Amino acid sequence: MDNNYIKIKDFENIYLEDSWIVDIIVKPSKIEIYLEIVLTTGHINYKAPSKTDQYCYQKGIIMFDEIKEIYWDQSNIQKSTDSLNNIDYGNIDTFYIQNDFNFYLEGGLGVLKIKCENYPKIIWM
């Protein structure tokens, strides 16, 4: 399946494949994925990247709430630490809507399958 997350309103004009996951918090009916999100030129907050960055990044949280079911295979989590002791879990390589409110994510966070009552949203920080 192709990544089709850009069909979700909050996910227009971002590029998750090169965004960095910095934390994942799982609660009983909510998942929060903290990222440094790549903004594309059409995004309202886009600014030309600095000389040291390839992209324009902005901190944000992908929020899944009202979760009905979750499957999380953590066997392939790719956690690393940089020279400043900042942790990252790589990228979200695959993110697609399977049908209605069923979502599939794969990448540095492992494999995550989520069924919830609504679309995820992005909270900008």
N, C-alpha and C. Protein backbone atom coordinates (compact mmCIF):
# COMPACT_ATOMS: atom_id res chain seq x y z
N MET A 1 0.84 -1.19 0.00
CA MET A 1 0.00 0.00 0.00
C MET A 1 0.88 1.25 0.00
N ASP A 2 0.41 2.26 -0.67
CA ASP A 2 1.11 3.53 -0.67
C ASP A 2 0.74 4.33 0.57
N ASN A 3 1.68 5.18 0.99
CA ASN A 3 1.38 6.09 2.09
C ASN A 3 0.26 7.03 1.64
N ASN A 4 -0.83 7.04 2.38
CA ASN A 4 -1.94 7.93 2.02
C ASN A 4 -2.33 8.84 3.17
N TYR A 5 -1.43 8.99 4.13
CA TYR A 5 -1.73 9.84 5.30
C TYR A 5 -2.00 11.28 4.92
N ILE A 6 -1.49 11.72 3.77
CA ILE A 6 -1.69 13.12 3.38
C ILE A 6 -3.16 13.44 3.07
N LYS A 7 -4.01 12.41 2.99
CA LYS A 7 -5.44 12.63 2.80
C LYS A 7 -6.12 13.13 4.08
N ILE A 8 -5.44 12.97 5.22
CA ILE A 8 -5.98 13.45 6.49
C ILE A 8 -5.69 14.94 6.58
N LYS A 9 -6.68 15.74 6.90
CA LYS A 9 -6.54 17.20 6.87
C LYS A 9 -5.29 17.71 7.59
N ASP A 10 -5.04 17.28 8.81
CA ASP A 10 -3.87 17.78 9.56
C ASP A 10 -2.54 17.36 8.95
N PHE A 11 -2.56 16.40 8.03
CA PHE A 11 -1.33 15.84 7.50
C PHE A 11 -0.98 16.37 6.11
N GLU A 12 -1.73 17.35 5.65
CA GLU A 12 -1.42 17.99 4.37
C GLU A 12 -0.13 18.78 4.51
N ASN A 13 0.70 18.75 3.50
CA ASN A 13 1.93 19.56 3.43
C ASN A 13 2.96 19.21 4.51
N ILE A 14 3.01 17.93 4.89
CA ILE A 14 4.09 17.44 5.74
C ILE A 14 4.66 16.19 5.07
N TYR A 15 5.84 15.78 5.51
CA TYR A 15 6.51 14.62 4.93
C TYR A 15 7.07 13.78 6.08
N LEU A 16 6.35 12.72 6.45
CA LEU A 16 6.73 11.92 7.61
C LEU A 16 7.93 11.01 7.36
N GLU A 17 8.17 10.65 6.12
CA GLU A 17 9.23 9.70 5.82
C GLU A 17 10.62 10.20 6.23
N ASP A 18 10.82 11.50 6.34
CA ASP A 18 12.09 12.07 6.80
C ASP A 18 11.94 12.85 8.10
N SER A 19 10.80 12.71 8.76
CA SER A 19 10.59 13.32 10.08
C SER A 19 11.19 12.39 11.13
N TRP A 20 11.58 12.94 12.28
CA TRP A 20 12.24 12.16 13.32
C TRP A 20 11.31 11.92 14.50
N ILE A 21 11.13 10.66 14.87
CA ILE A 21 10.34 10.31 16.06
C ILE A 21 11.25 10.49 17.27
N VAL A 22 10.82 11.29 18.24
CA VAL A 22 11.64 11.52 19.43
C VAL A 22 11.05 10.89 20.69
N ASP A 23 9.77 10.52 20.66
CA ASP A 23 9.18 9.85 21.81
C ASP A 23 7.83 9.26 21.41
N ILE A 24 7.43 8.22 22.12
CA ILE A 24 6.13 7.59 21.92
C ILE A 24 5.54 7.35 23.30
N ILE A 25 4.34 7.86 23.52
CA ILE A 25 3.66 7.65 24.80
C ILE A 25 2.34 6.94 24.52
N VAL A 26 2.17 5.79 25.15
CA VAL A 26 0.96 4.99 24.98
C VAL A 26 0.17 5.04 26.28
N LYS A 27 -1.08 5.47 26.18
CA LYS A 27 -2.01 5.51 27.31
C LYS A 27 -3.18 4.59 26.98
N PRO A 28 -4.06 4.31 27.94
CA PRO A 28 -5.14 3.34 27.68
C PRO A 28 -5.96 3.61 26.41
N SER A 29 -6.32 4.83 26.12
CA SER A 29 -7.12 5.09 24.93
C SER A 29 -6.50 6.15 24.03
N LYS A 30 -5.18 6.34 24.17
CA LYS A 30 -4.52 7.41 23.42
C LYS A 30 -3.07 7.03 23.13
N ILE A 31 -2.59 7.41 21.95
CA ILE A 31 -1.18 7.28 21.60
C ILE A 31 -0.69 8.64 21.13
N GLU A 32 0.45 9.06 21.67
CA GLU A 32 1.07 10.32 21.27
C GLU A 32 2.45 9.99 20.69
N ILE A 33 2.68 10.42 19.45
CA ILE A 33 3.97 10.23 18.80
C ILE A 33 4.59 11.61 18.64
N TYR A 34 5.67 11.86 19.36
CA TYR A 34 6.37 13.15 19.33
C TYR A 34 7.40 13.11 18.21
N LEU A 35 7.40 14.15 17.39
CA LEU A 35 8.29 14.18 16.23
C LEU A 35 8.87 15.55 15.96
N GLU A 36 9.94 15.54 15.19
CA GLU A 36 10.43 16.71 14.46
C GLU A 36 9.89 16.50 13.05
N ILE A 37 8.82 17.22 12.69
CA ILE A 37 8.08 16.96 11.46
C ILE A 37 8.60 17.83 10.32
N VAL A 38 8.82 17.20 9.16
CA VAL A 38 9.22 17.93 7.95
C VAL A 38 7.99 18.64 7.39
N LEU A 39 8.11 19.95 7.21
CA LEU A 39 7.06 20.75 6.57
C LEU A 39 7.45 20.96 5.11
N THR A 40 6.49 20.79 4.21
CA THR A 40 6.76 21.06 2.80
C THR A 40 6.37 22.52 2.49
N THR A 41 6.73 22.97 1.31
CA THR A 41 6.58 24.39 0.98
C THR A 41 5.14 24.89 1.06
N GLY A 42 4.16 24.03 0.94
CA GLY A 42 2.76 24.45 1.02
C GLY A 42 2.24 24.63 2.43
N HIS A 43 3.02 24.25 3.43
CA HIS A 43 2.56 24.34 4.82
C HIS A 43 2.61 25.79 5.30
N ILE A 44 1.62 26.20 6.07
CA ILE A 44 1.52 27.59 6.55
C ILE A 44 2.73 28.01 7.40
N ASN A 45 3.36 27.07 8.10
CA ASN A 45 4.51 27.39 8.96
C ASN A 45 5.86 27.15 8.28
N TYR A 46 5.84 26.85 6.98
CA TYR A 46 7.09 26.55 6.29
C TYR A 46 8.01 27.77 6.25
N LYS A 47 9.29 27.51 6.52
CA LYS A 47 10.35 28.50 6.36
C LYS A 47 11.50 27.79 5.66
N ALA A 48 12.28 28.52 4.92
CA ALA A 48 13.44 27.91 4.27
C ALA A 48 14.32 27.26 5.33
N PRO A 49 14.81 26.04 5.06
CA PRO A 49 15.64 25.37 6.07
C PRO A 49 16.95 26.11 6.32
N SER A 50 17.47 25.92 7.52
CA SER A 50 18.76 26.52 7.85
C SER A 50 19.84 25.86 6.99
N LYS A 51 21.02 26.43 6.99
CA LYS A 51 22.12 25.90 6.17
C LYS A 51 22.53 24.50 6.61
N THR A 52 22.26 24.16 7.87
CA THR A 52 22.66 22.84 8.38
C THR A 52 21.55 21.80 8.26
N ASP A 53 20.34 22.21 7.87
CA ASP A 53 19.21 21.28 7.75
C ASP A 53 18.83 21.07 6.30
N GLN A 54 18.40 19.85 6.00
CA GLN A 54 17.92 19.54 4.66
C GLN A 54 16.49 20.04 4.47
N TYR A 55 15.72 20.04 5.56
CA TYR A 55 14.30 20.38 5.52
C TYR A 55 13.96 21.44 6.56
N CYS A 56 12.75 21.96 6.44
CA CYS A 56 12.16 22.78 7.50
C CYS A 56 11.46 21.83 8.46
N TYR A 57 11.87 21.88 9.73
CA TYR A 57 11.29 20.99 10.75
C TYR A 57 10.48 21.80 11.76
N GLN A 58 9.43 21.19 12.28
CA GLN A 58 8.70 21.77 13.40
C GLN A 58 8.29 20.64 14.34
N LYS A 59 8.40 20.91 15.64
CA LYS A 59 8.01 19.91 16.63
C LYS A 59 6.50 19.77 16.65
N GLY A 60 6.06 18.53 16.75
CA GLY A 60 4.63 18.27 16.81
C GLY A 60 4.35 16.90 17.40
N ILE A 61 3.09 16.67 17.70
CA ILE A 61 2.64 15.40 18.26
C ILE A 61 1.53 14.85 17.37
N ILE A 62 1.71 13.63 16.89
CA ILE A 62 0.61 12.94 16.23
C ILE A 62 -0.20 12.28 17.34
N MET A 63 -1.46 12.65 17.42
CA MET A 63 -2.33 12.20 18.51
C MET A 63 -3.43 11.29 17.96
N PHE A 64 -3.40 10.04 18.39
CA PHE A 64 -4.50 9.11 18.14
C PHE A 64 -5.28 9.03 19.45
N ASP A 65 -6.58 9.30 19.41
CA ASP A 65 -7.37 9.16 20.63
C ASP A 65 -8.63 8.34 20.35
N GLU A 66 -9.36 8.05 21.38
CA GLU A 66 -10.54 7.19 21.29
C GLU A 66 -10.19 5.86 20.61
N ILE A 67 -9.09 5.27 21.05
CA ILE A 67 -8.60 4.02 20.46
C ILE A 67 -9.48 2.85 20.91
N LYS A 68 -9.86 2.03 19.93
CA LYS A 68 -10.64 0.83 20.22
C LYS A 68 -9.73 -0.40 20.30
N GLU A 69 -8.74 -0.47 19.41
CA GLU A 69 -7.81 -1.60 19.38
C GLU A 69 -6.44 -1.10 19.00
N ILE A 70 -5.42 -1.77 19.55
CA ILE A 70 -4.05 -1.43 19.19
C ILE A 70 -3.20 -2.70 19.15
N TYR A 71 -2.36 -2.78 18.14
CA TYR A 71 -1.36 -3.83 18.04
C TYR A 71 -0.03 -3.12 17.83
N TRP A 72 0.95 -3.40 18.67
CA TRP A 72 2.25 -2.75 18.54
C TRP A 72 3.34 -3.80 18.64
N ASP A 73 3.98 -4.08 17.52
CA ASP A 73 5.12 -5.00 17.47
C ASP A 73 6.37 -4.15 17.65
N GLN A 74 6.99 -4.25 18.80
CA GLN A 74 8.16 -3.43 19.14
C GLN A 74 9.48 -4.15 18.89
N SER A 75 9.43 -5.31 18.24
CA SER A 75 10.65 -6.11 18.08
C SER A 75 11.70 -5.45 17.19
N ASN A 76 11.29 -4.54 16.32
CA ASN A 76 12.25 -3.88 15.42
C ASN A 76 12.42 -2.40 15.71
N ILE A 77 12.18 -1.97 16.94
CA ILE A 77 12.35 -0.56 17.28
C ILE A 77 13.80 -0.16 17.07
N GLN A 78 14.01 0.99 16.43
CA GLN A 78 15.35 1.48 16.10
C GLN A 78 15.64 2.74 16.90
N LYS A 79 16.03 2.56 18.13
CA LYS A 79 16.31 3.69 19.02
C LYS A 79 17.79 4.04 18.94
N SER A 80 18.09 5.33 18.80
CA SER A 80 19.49 5.77 18.80
C SER A 80 19.62 7.06 19.60
N THR A 81 20.85 7.38 19.98
CA THR A 81 21.14 8.58 20.76
C THR A 81 22.25 9.34 20.05
N ASP A 82 22.07 10.66 19.91
CA ASP A 82 23.10 11.46 19.26
C ASP A 82 24.12 11.96 20.28
N SER A 83 25.06 12.77 19.83
CA SER A 83 26.14 13.25 20.70
C SER A 83 25.65 14.14 21.84
N LEU A 84 24.44 14.69 21.72
CA LEU A 84 23.87 15.52 22.77
C LEU A 84 22.92 14.73 23.67
N ASN A 85 22.94 13.40 23.52
CA ASN A 85 22.06 12.49 24.27
C ASN A 85 20.58 12.63 23.92
N ASN A 86 20.29 13.18 22.75
CA ASN A 86 18.91 13.23 22.27
C ASN A 86 18.56 11.88 21.67
N ILE A 87 17.41 11.34 22.05
CA ILE A 87 16.97 10.04 21.56
C ILE A 87 16.08 10.23 20.34
N ASP A 88 16.24 9.36 19.35
CA ASP A 88 15.26 9.31 18.27
C ASP A 88 15.04 7.86 17.87
N TYR A 89 13.86 7.65 17.31
CA TYR A 89 13.42 6.32 16.90
C TYR A 89 13.33 6.21 15.39
N GLY A 90 14.09 7.02 14.68
CA GLY A 90 14.05 6.96 13.23
C GLY A 90 12.82 7.64 12.67
N ASN A 91 12.35 7.13 11.55
CA ASN A 91 11.27 7.75 10.79
C ASN A 91 10.01 6.89 10.79
N ILE A 92 8.95 7.46 10.26
CA ILE A 92 7.75 6.68 9.92
C ILE A 92 7.85 6.43 8.42
N ASP A 93 8.23 5.22 8.07
CA ASP A 93 8.42 4.88 6.66
C ASP A 93 7.10 4.62 5.95
N THR A 94 6.16 4.04 6.68
CA THR A 94 4.87 3.67 6.11
C THR A 94 3.76 4.15 7.04
N PHE A 95 2.78 4.85 6.48
CA PHE A 95 1.62 5.29 7.25
C PHE A 95 0.44 5.37 6.29
N TYR A 96 -0.46 4.44 6.44
CA TYR A 96 -1.63 4.50 5.57
C TYR A 96 -2.91 4.16 6.31
N ILE A 97 -3.99 4.65 5.73
CA ILE A 97 -5.33 4.37 6.23
C ILE A 97 -5.77 3.09 5.55
N GLN A 98 -6.07 2.05 6.35
CA GLN A 98 -6.50 0.79 5.77
C GLN A 98 -7.97 0.87 5.35
N ASN A 99 -8.81 1.37 6.19
CA ASN A 99 -10.21 1.68 5.87
C ASN A 99 -10.78 2.47 7.02
N ASP A 100 -11.53 3.48 6.69
CA ASP A 100 -12.12 4.38 7.69
C ASP A 100 -11.11 4.76 8.78
N PHE A 101 -11.26 4.22 9.97
CA PHE A 101 -10.42 4.64 11.08
C PHE A 101 -9.46 3.54 11.53
N ASN A 102 -8.94 2.77 10.57
CA ASN A 102 -7.90 1.77 10.82
C ASN A 102 -6.61 2.27 10.20
N PHE A 103 -5.56 2.35 11.00
CA PHE A 103 -4.30 2.94 10.55
C PHE A 103 -3.15 1.96 10.74
N TYR A 104 -2.21 1.99 9.80
CA TYR A 104 -1.03 1.14 9.84
C TYR A 104 0.20 2.02 9.75
N LEU A 105 1.11 1.90 10.73
CA LEU A 105 2.36 2.65 10.73
C LEU A 105 3.51 1.67 10.89
N GLU A 106 4.60 1.95 10.18
CA GLU A 106 5.78 1.11 10.30
C GLU A 106 7.02 1.97 10.11
N GLY A 107 8.06 1.64 10.86
CA GLY A 107 9.32 2.37 10.76
C GLY A 107 10.14 2.13 12.00
N GLY A 108 10.84 3.17 12.44
CA GLY A 108 11.68 3.07 13.62
C GLY A 108 10.91 2.75 14.88
N LEU A 109 9.61 2.96 14.87
CA LEU A 109 8.77 2.65 16.03
C LEU A 109 8.27 1.21 16.02
N GLY A 110 8.70 0.42 15.04
CA GLY A 110 8.19 -0.94 14.88
C GLY A 110 6.97 -0.91 13.98
N VAL A 111 6.03 -1.80 14.25
CA VAL A 111 4.77 -1.85 13.50
C VAL A 111 3.65 -1.51 14.46
N LEU A 112 2.81 -0.57 14.06
CA LEU A 112 1.72 -0.11 14.90
C LEU A 112 0.43 -0.15 14.08
N LYS A 113 -0.55 -0.91 14.56
CA LYS A 113 -1.87 -0.97 13.93
C LYS A 113 -2.87 -0.41 14.94
N ILE A 114 -3.63 0.57 14.49
CA ILE A 114 -4.53 1.29 15.39
C ILE A 114 -5.93 1.34 14.78
N LYS A 115 -6.91 1.03 15.60
CA LYS A 115 -8.31 1.23 15.22
C LYS A 115 -8.89 2.20 16.23
N CYS A 116 -9.42 3.32 15.73
CA CYS A 116 -9.98 4.32 16.65
C CYS A 116 -11.25 4.92 16.08
N GLU A 117 -11.80 5.86 16.81
CA GLU A 117 -13.09 6.45 16.47
C GLU A 117 -12.99 7.63 15.50
N ASN A 118 -11.78 8.14 15.27
CA ASN A 118 -11.63 9.32 14.42
C ASN A 118 -10.23 9.36 13.82
N TYR A 119 -9.99 10.36 13.02
CA TYR A 119 -8.67 10.52 12.41
C TYR A 119 -7.69 11.10 13.42
N PRO A 120 -6.42 10.75 13.28
CA PRO A 120 -5.43 11.37 14.16
C PRO A 120 -5.29 12.85 13.84
N LYS A 121 -4.76 13.59 14.79
CA LYS A 121 -4.52 15.02 14.55
C LYS A 121 -3.09 15.35 14.95
N ILE A 122 -2.62 16.47 14.48
CA ILE A 122 -1.29 16.94 14.84
C ILE A 122 -1.44 18.14 15.75
N ILE A 123 -0.74 18.08 16.87
CA ILE A 123 -0.68 19.21 17.79
C ILE A 123 0.70 19.82 17.61
N TRP A 124 0.75 21.06 17.15
CA TRP A 124 2.02 21.73 16.91
C TRP A 124 2.56 22.31 18.20
N MET A 125 3.86 22.21 18.38
CA MET A 125 4.50 22.69 19.60
C MET A 125 5.35 23.91 19.30
